[in-house]
Amino acid sequence: MARKKIHLDTIPRIREISREIFYETYVVPQKPVIVERFTTDWNAYNLWTLDYIKAVAGEKMVPLYDNRIPINNSSNKFNEPHLYKTLAEYIDDLKKGPTPYRIFLYNLLKKVPALQQDFNYPCNTRLRFLKKLPMLFFGGENSKVFMHYDIDYANILHFHFDGEKECILFPPSETKYLYKLPNALIAYHEIDFENPDFEKFPALLKAKGMVANIKHGDMLYMPEGYWHQMTYKTPGFSMSLRALPISKYNLSKAVYNVFIMRHFDNLMRRIGRKTWVDYKNKKAVARTNKKWA
């Protein structure tokens, strides 16, 4: 008997699209899409490889994260690094073989301004880009970014370089089935979304998401508040360009997350430590199973 899987449709893929049609067809209705080879007119398309990044920024000290879920780290703030290395040392590690370590939400373009000349913010999209926050993400083979959604409810244009990675998405409407932790932006850490245990997490049978792989030069559009889990199939890196929410309601939720929820959670970690973390984990499972299993 075949093992059950989470319902995952394929993220639509297109080759070419005008900026105006992209906005009306995907941004306004908040639908994900992959635009293949979107970056062919950028210098980055021909230049940006792991070797190139090592050559221009190898001396930079970078924060590394492994596959541990940060919500279990009761003594520190959410998303604190597990290790630091130079970027050159880290890229050498990527080339040696699988490693769980990733670079997450790192503003390398601020530290190496020359890289900013290698790409352009897409014009005529009517998106209001946060131009001080072009973040880079690096990962080795099989390293994984846990299932989460972004604190600022940004519209995200996610560009991949030098490799391939799998992207699993869920729209905000599926949050109720994903075992979201209270006062957090992540799903319960024991869930394997590629091979879930439906006996422990039966609500996942109701969830409907999307999946696809992206390769060098591809752009994935992730709408506001979309859950996402990224798994690097090969060593590589990505860049995210973020734009303000077009929904005023989502903008208000972003303000709450950034200025209230995040600080409340950090305060409770300092006060309650492991008790607070254990409460959140148990609450996520018990609440979801009671209401939706």
Protein backbone atom coordinates (compact mmCIF):
# COMPACT_ATOMS: atom_id res chain seq x y z
CA MET A 1 0.00 0.00 0.00
CA ALA A 2 1.41 3.37 -1.03
CA ARG A 3 2.26 5.72 1.80
CA LYS A 4 0.09 8.83 1.98
CA LYS A 5 1.62 12.16 1.05
CA ILE A 6 0.68 15.75 1.67
CA HIS A 7 -1.36 17.16 -1.21
CA LEU A 8 1.11 19.19 -3.27
CA ASP A 9 0.28 20.59 -6.68
CA THR A 10 2.99 21.81 -9.03
CA ILE A 11 3.85 25.51 -8.90
CA PRO A 12 3.09 26.98 -12.36
CA ARG A 13 6.12 27.69 -14.58
CA ILE A 14 6.38 30.20 -17.39
CA ARG A 15 9.23 31.31 -19.67
CA GLU A 16 8.46 34.94 -20.36
CA ILE A 17 5.99 37.49 -19.05
CA SER A 18 5.66 41.26 -19.13
CA ARG A 19 6.00 43.07 -15.81
CA GLU A 20 2.43 44.44 -16.12
CA ILE A 21 0.88 41.03 -16.78
CA PHE A 22 2.93 39.53 -13.94
CA TYR A 23 1.40 42.04 -11.52
CA GLU A 24 -2.19 41.56 -12.67
CA THR A 25 -2.02 37.76 -13.09
CA TYR A 26 0.00 36.79 -10.03
CA VAL A 27 0.59 39.66 -7.57
CA VAL A 28 -2.97 40.98 -7.39
CA PRO A 29 -4.57 37.52 -6.88
CA GLN A 30 -1.56 36.43 -4.77
CA LYS A 31 -0.62 33.33 -6.79
CA PRO A 32 2.88 31.80 -6.79
CA VAL A 33 4.70 31.32 -10.09
CA ILE A 34 8.17 30.40 -11.35
CA VAL A 35 9.58 32.46 -14.21
CA GLU A 36 12.37 30.45 -15.80
CA ARG A 37 15.64 32.17 -16.75
CA PHE A 38 14.25 35.47 -15.47
CA THR A 39 17.74 36.86 -14.87
CA THR A 40 19.31 36.34 -18.31
CA ASP A 41 19.68 40.11 -18.81
CA TRP A 42 21.53 40.54 -15.49
CA ASN A 43 25.30 40.38 -15.09
CA ALA A 44 24.55 38.03 -12.20
CA TYR A 45 23.25 35.39 -14.60
CA ASN A 46 26.72 34.92 -16.07
CA LEU A 47 28.82 35.89 -13.05
CA TRP A 48 27.16 34.58 -9.92
CA THR A 49 28.61 31.20 -9.05
CA LEU A 50 29.99 29.93 -5.76
CA ASP A 51 33.51 30.43 -7.11
CA TYR A 52 32.77 34.04 -8.07
CA ILE A 53 31.27 34.85 -4.66
CA LYS A 54 34.29 33.28 -2.99
CA ALA A 55 36.61 35.44 -5.09
CA VAL A 56 34.89 38.75 -4.35
CA ALA A 57 33.73 38.16 -0.75
CA GLY A 58 35.64 35.17 0.61
CA GLU A 59 37.15 37.11 3.53
CA LYS A 60 33.77 38.07 4.99
CA MET A 61 32.79 36.40 8.26
CA VAL A 62 29.32 34.91 7.88
CA PRO A 63 26.72 33.44 10.29
CA LEU A 64 25.83 29.78 9.72
CA TYR A 65 22.71 27.87 10.68
CA ASP A 66 22.21 24.12 10.65
CA ASN A 67 19.01 22.07 10.44
CA ARG A 68 18.18 22.55 14.08
CA ILE A 69 14.91 24.38 14.55
CA PRO A 70 15.62 27.68 16.37
CA ILE A 71 12.38 27.51 18.35
CA ASN A 72 14.01 24.82 20.52
CA ASN A 73 16.76 27.18 21.56
CA SER A 74 15.13 28.44 24.73
CA SER A 75 18.12 30.40 26.00
CA ASN A 76 18.59 32.63 22.96
CA LYS A 77 16.59 34.83 20.66
CA PHE A 78 14.88 33.35 17.63
CA ASN A 79 17.21 32.69 14.67
CA GLU A 80 20.59 33.12 16.34
CA PRO A 81 23.49 31.57 14.37
CA HIS A 82 25.02 28.23 15.35
CA LEU A 83 28.51 28.95 13.96
CA TYR A 84 30.66 31.56 12.18
CA LYS A 85 33.18 31.02 9.38
CA THR A 86 34.66 33.04 6.55
CA LEU A 87 32.63 32.81 3.37
CA ALA A 88 35.62 31.18 1.62
CA GLU A 89 35.82 28.46 4.27
CA TYR A 90 32.10 27.85 4.02
CA ILE A 91 32.09 27.60 0.20
CA ASP A 92 35.00 25.14 0.43
CA ASP A 93 32.85 23.06 2.80
CA LEU A 94 29.97 23.12 0.30
CA LYS A 95 32.22 21.74 -2.41
CA LYS A 96 33.53 18.91 -0.23
CA GLY A 97 30.11 17.29 0.16
CA PRO A 98 26.79 17.52 2.02
CA THR A 99 26.71 19.87 5.00
CA PRO A 100 23.73 20.92 7.12
CA TYR A 101 25.02 24.48 7.43
CA ARG A 102 23.27 27.34 5.64
CA ILE A 103 23.64 31.10 5.39
CA PHE A 104 20.25 32.61 6.13
CA LEU A 105 19.03 36.19 5.60
CA TYR A 106 22.52 37.62 5.04
CA ASN A 107 22.93 41.07 3.48
CA LEU A 108 26.16 40.35 1.58
CA LEU A 109 25.32 43.04 -0.97
CA LYS A 110 25.66 45.69 1.72
CA LYS A 111 29.09 44.37 2.71
CA VAL A 112 30.24 43.98 -0.93
CA PRO A 113 28.57 46.90 -2.79
CA ALA A 114 30.05 45.87 -6.14
CA LEU A 115 27.59 42.97 -6.23
CA GLN A 116 24.74 45.49 -6.38
CA GLN A 117 25.78 46.31 -9.94
CA ASP A 118 25.06 42.76 -11.07
CA PHE A 119 21.26 42.91 -10.88
CA ASN A 120 18.35 45.32 -11.33
CA TYR A 121 15.12 45.68 -9.42
CA PRO A 122 12.38 44.64 -11.87
CA CYS A 123 10.65 47.76 -13.12
CA ASN A 124 6.97 48.24 -13.98
CA THR A 125 5.87 45.60 -11.46
CA ARG A 126 4.14 48.18 -9.22
CA LEU A 127 5.76 46.46 -6.24
CA ARG A 128 7.27 48.73 -3.58
CA PHE A 129 10.65 47.09 -3.04
CA LEU A 130 12.55 47.33 0.24
CA LYS A 131 15.81 48.20 -1.47
CA LYS A 132 17.95 48.05 1.66
CA LEU A 133 17.06 44.40 2.21
CA PRO A 134 18.26 42.25 -0.72
CA MET A 135 19.13 39.10 1.23
CA LEU A 136 21.29 36.14 0.17
CA PHE A 137 20.84 32.51 1.23
CA PHE A 138 23.39 29.71 0.79
CA GLY A 139 23.04 25.98 1.37
CA GLY A 140 24.79 22.66 0.86
CA GLU A 141 23.36 19.47 -0.59
CA ASN A 142 20.35 18.29 1.45
CA SER A 143 20.42 21.27 3.84
CA LYS A 144 16.94 22.51 4.61
CA VAL A 145 15.15 25.69 5.64
CA PHE A 146 12.37 24.74 8.07
CA MET A 147 8.71 25.42 7.22
CA HIS A 148 7.90 29.03 8.08
CA TYR A 149 6.44 32.28 6.77
CA ASP A 150 8.14 35.66 6.84
CA ILE A 151 7.64 38.10 9.66
CA ASP A 152 7.01 41.10 7.37
CA TYR A 153 4.43 39.51 5.00
CA ALA A 154 6.56 40.68 2.08
CA ASN A 155 5.94 39.88 -1.55
CA ILE A 156 9.13 37.99 -2.37
CA LEU A 157 10.95 37.57 -5.67
CA HIS A 158 13.33 34.69 -4.96
CA PHE A 159 16.16 34.16 -7.49
CA HIS A 160 18.34 31.06 -7.52
CA PHE A 161 21.96 30.69 -8.67
CA ASP A 162 24.49 27.90 -9.20
CA GLY A 163 22.48 24.82 -8.30
CA GLU A 164 18.99 23.54 -7.67
CA LYS A 165 16.62 23.52 -4.74
CA GLU A 166 13.13 22.29 -3.93
CA CYS A 167 10.48 24.73 -2.73
CA ILE A 168 7.35 23.62 -0.87
CA LEU A 169 4.72 26.34 -0.39
CA PHE A 170 1.42 26.63 1.45
CA PRO A 171 -0.94 29.61 1.20
CA PRO A 172 -2.01 31.40 4.41
CA SER A 173 -5.41 29.67 4.16
CA GLU A 174 -3.69 26.38 5.12
CA THR A 175 -2.12 27.74 8.33
CA LYS A 176 -4.75 26.02 10.46
CA TYR A 177 -3.52 22.59 9.30
CA LEU A 178 0.24 23.20 9.63
CA TYR A 179 0.69 22.99 13.42
CA LYS A 180 1.80 26.59 13.74
CA LEU A 181 3.42 27.44 17.07
CA PRO A 182 1.83 30.24 19.15
CA ASN A 183 3.73 33.54 19.00
CA ALA A 184 5.92 32.22 16.21
CA LEU A 185 6.19 31.99 12.44
CA ILE A 186 7.08 28.31 12.12
CA ALA A 187 5.45 24.89 12.07
CA TYR A 188 6.07 22.26 14.73
CA HIS A 189 9.67 21.11 14.37
CA GLU A 190 9.08 17.33 14.32
CA ILE A 191 7.04 17.41 11.11
CA ASP A 192 8.79 16.07 8.01
CA PHE A 193 6.79 17.74 5.24
CA GLU A 194 8.30 15.45 2.62
CA ASN A 195 7.37 12.29 4.52
CA PRO A 196 4.93 13.23 7.32
CA ASP A 197 3.64 11.00 10.10
CA PHE A 198 -0.12 11.35 9.67
CA GLU A 199 -0.83 9.37 12.82
CA LYS A 200 0.84 12.07 14.89
CA PHE A 201 -0.18 14.97 12.64
CA PRO A 202 -3.48 14.01 10.98
CA ALA A 203 -4.50 17.60 10.17
CA LEU A 204 -1.81 17.62 7.47
CA LEU A 205 -4.08 15.39 5.38
CA LYS A 206 -6.32 18.43 4.88
CA ALA A 207 -3.49 20.78 3.85
CA LYS A 208 -3.06 21.70 0.19
CA GLY A 209 0.24 23.14 -0.94
CA MET A 210 2.52 23.45 -3.95
CA VAL A 211 6.00 22.25 -4.87
CA ALA A 212 8.63 22.74 -7.58
CA ASN A 213 12.38 22.92 -8.06
CA ILE A 214 14.18 26.07 -9.15
CA LYS A 215 17.52 26.26 -10.95
CA HIS A 216 20.12 28.85 -11.92
CA GLY A 217 18.45 32.00 -13.21
CA ASP A 218 14.91 31.07 -12.19
CA MET A 219 12.69 33.39 -10.17
CA LEU A 220 10.06 32.13 -7.71
CA TYR A 221 7.35 34.61 -6.72
CA MET A 222 6.10 33.99 -3.16
CA PRO A 223 3.03 36.04 -2.19
CA GLU A 224 2.38 37.63 1.18
CA GLY A 225 2.35 35.29 4.17
CA TYR A 226 3.05 32.13 2.18
CA TRP A 227 4.59 29.28 4.14
CA HIS A 228 7.76 27.91 2.56
CA GLN A 229 10.31 25.16 3.11
CA MET A 230 13.47 25.10 0.97
CA THR A 231 15.68 22.03 0.46
CA TYR A 232 18.96 22.41 -1.42
CA LYS A 233 19.32 19.53 -3.89
CA THR A 234 22.83 20.72 -4.77
CA PRO A 235 25.10 23.41 -3.27
CA GLY A 236 23.94 26.85 -4.35
CA PHE A 237 22.61 30.21 -3.28
CA SER A 238 19.63 32.50 -3.75
CA MET A 239 18.74 36.16 -3.47
CA SER A 240 15.41 37.52 -2.28
CA LEU A 241 14.06 40.93 -3.26
CA ARG A 242 11.32 41.94 -0.87
CA ALA A 243 8.38 44.27 -1.46
CA LEU A 244 5.82 45.73 0.92
CA PRO A 245 2.46 43.95 1.29
CA ILE A 246 -0.23 45.27 -1.03
CA SER A 247 -2.85 44.23 1.53
CA LYS A 248 -3.33 46.77 4.32
CA TYR A 249 -4.46 43.96 6.60
CA ASN A 250 -1.23 42.04 5.98
CA LEU A 251 0.77 45.22 6.50
CA SER A 252 -0.88 45.63 9.91
CA LYS A 253 0.01 42.02 10.78
CA ALA A 254 3.60 42.66 9.71
CA VAL A 255 3.79 45.68 12.03
CA TYR A 256 2.40 43.59 14.90
CA ASN A 257 4.90 40.78 14.25
CA VAL A 258 7.91 43.07 14.06
CA PHE A 259 7.13 45.43 16.93
CA ILE A 260 5.08 43.33 19.36
CA MET A 261 5.03 39.57 18.79
CA ARG A 262 8.77 39.15 18.25
CA HIS A 263 9.70 41.11 21.37
CA PHE A 264 7.08 39.35 23.48
CA ASP A 265 8.43 35.95 22.43
CA ASN A 266 12.02 36.96 23.18
CA LEU A 267 10.94 38.22 26.61
CA MET A 268 9.14 34.96 27.38
CA ARG A 269 12.23 32.98 26.33
CA ARG A 270 14.29 34.87 28.87
CA ILE A 271 11.69 34.44 31.60
CA GLY A 272 10.25 31.01 30.92
CA ARG A 273 13.13 29.43 28.99
CA LYS A 274 12.44 25.72 28.35
CA THR A 275 9.00 25.89 29.98
CA TRP A 276 7.89 28.50 27.44
CA VAL A 277 9.28 26.55 24.49
CA ASP A 278 7.70 23.28 25.66
CA TYR A 279 4.37 25.02 26.14
CA LYS A 280 4.42 26.35 22.58
CA ASN A 281 5.29 22.97 21.10
CA LYS A 282 2.58 21.13 23.03
CA LYS A 283 0.01 23.83 22.34
CA ALA A 284 0.63 23.70 18.57
CA VAL A 285 0.01 19.95 18.38
CA ALA A 286 -2.87 19.76 20.84
CA ARG A 287 -4.75 22.75 19.43
CA THR A 288 -4.42 21.67 15.79
CA ASN A 289 -5.35 18.05 16.41
CA LYS A 290 -8.34 18.97 18.56
CA LYS A 291 -9.81 21.32 15.98
CA TRP A 292 -8.83 19.82 12.63
CA ALA A 293 -7.84 16.15 12.99
